[in-house]
Amino acid sequence: MIPSIETKFSCPTSKTDLWNMHPRIFLEFDNAGYAKCPYCGTVFQKKEKDSVIY
C-alpha cells in the first residue's frame, strides 16, 4: 500500500527483486485508489490516511 499523501510513485519499487526489474515508470492512482503497472502487473492500492498495516 502507498501512503495516501502520495499522488505519484514509481515501479519497480526499491523492494523489487533484481530478476523482476523493468524500466522505471511513474504511476498515478485512479479515482478508486488503484494503479496497475503495465510492465509487471503489480497492483498498487492507496493506503487510507488512518489505516494501520500489520
Protein backbone atom coordinates (compact mmCIF):
# COMPACT_ATOMS: atom_id res chain seq x y z
CA MET A 1 0.00 0.00 0.00
CA ILE A 2 1.15 3.51 -0.79
CA PRO A 3 0.53 6.32 1.75
CA SER A 4 -2.49 8.49 0.89
CA ILE A 5 -0.36 11.65 0.67
CA GLU A 6 1.50 10.26 -2.37
CA THR A 7 -0.03 11.10 -5.73
CA LYS A 8 2.73 9.77 -8.00
CA PHE A 9 5.09 6.88 -7.38
CA SER A 10 7.31 4.59 -9.42
CA CYS A 11 7.50 0.94 -10.31
CA PRO A 12 9.59 -1.09 -9.78
CA THR A 13 9.88 -0.26 -6.10
CA SER A 14 13.05 -0.50 -4.03
CA LYS A 15 11.78 -3.87 -2.71
CA THR A 16 11.56 -5.47 -6.17
CA ASP A 17 13.83 -8.46 -6.73
CA LEU A 18 16.58 -7.99 -9.32
CA TRP A 19 15.14 -10.71 -11.61
CA ASN A 20 11.82 -8.83 -11.74
CA MET A 21 13.20 -5.41 -12.73
CA HIS A 22 11.92 -3.42 -15.70
CA PRO A 23 12.29 0.20 -16.84
CA ARG A 24 11.17 2.63 -14.13
CA ILE A 25 7.82 4.23 -14.82
CA PHE A 26 5.75 6.66 -12.79
CA LEU A 27 2.15 5.81 -11.98
CA GLU A 28 -0.85 7.70 -10.63
CA PHE A 29 -3.85 6.36 -8.75
CA ASP A 30 -7.24 6.20 -10.43
CA ASN A 31 -10.36 7.58 -8.73
CA ALA A 32 -10.87 4.28 -6.89
CA GLY A 33 -7.36 4.45 -5.37
CA TYR A 34 -5.66 1.79 -7.52
CA ALA A 35 -2.86 1.73 -10.09
CA LYS A 36 -1.53 -1.18 -12.15
CA CYS A 37 1.94 -1.39 -13.66
CA PRO A 38 1.73 -2.19 -17.40
CA TYR A 39 5.11 -3.99 -17.30
CA CYS A 40 4.82 -6.40 -14.38
CA GLY A 41 1.13 -6.23 -13.49
CA THR A 42 1.70 -5.18 -9.88
CA VAL A 43 -1.43 -3.58 -8.46
CA PHE A 44 -0.89 -0.70 -6.04
CA GLN A 45 -3.53 0.45 -3.58
CA LYS A 46 -3.70 3.80 -1.89
CA LYS A 47 -3.45 3.47 1.89
CA GLU A 48 -6.20 5.26 3.77
CA LYS A 49 -4.90 8.05 5.99
CA ASP A 50 -5.86 6.40 9.29
CA SER A 51 -5.42 2.72 8.41
CA VAL A 52 -2.78 0.58 10.05
CA ILE A 53 -0.97 -2.21 8.21
CA TYR A 54 0.38 -5.15 10.20
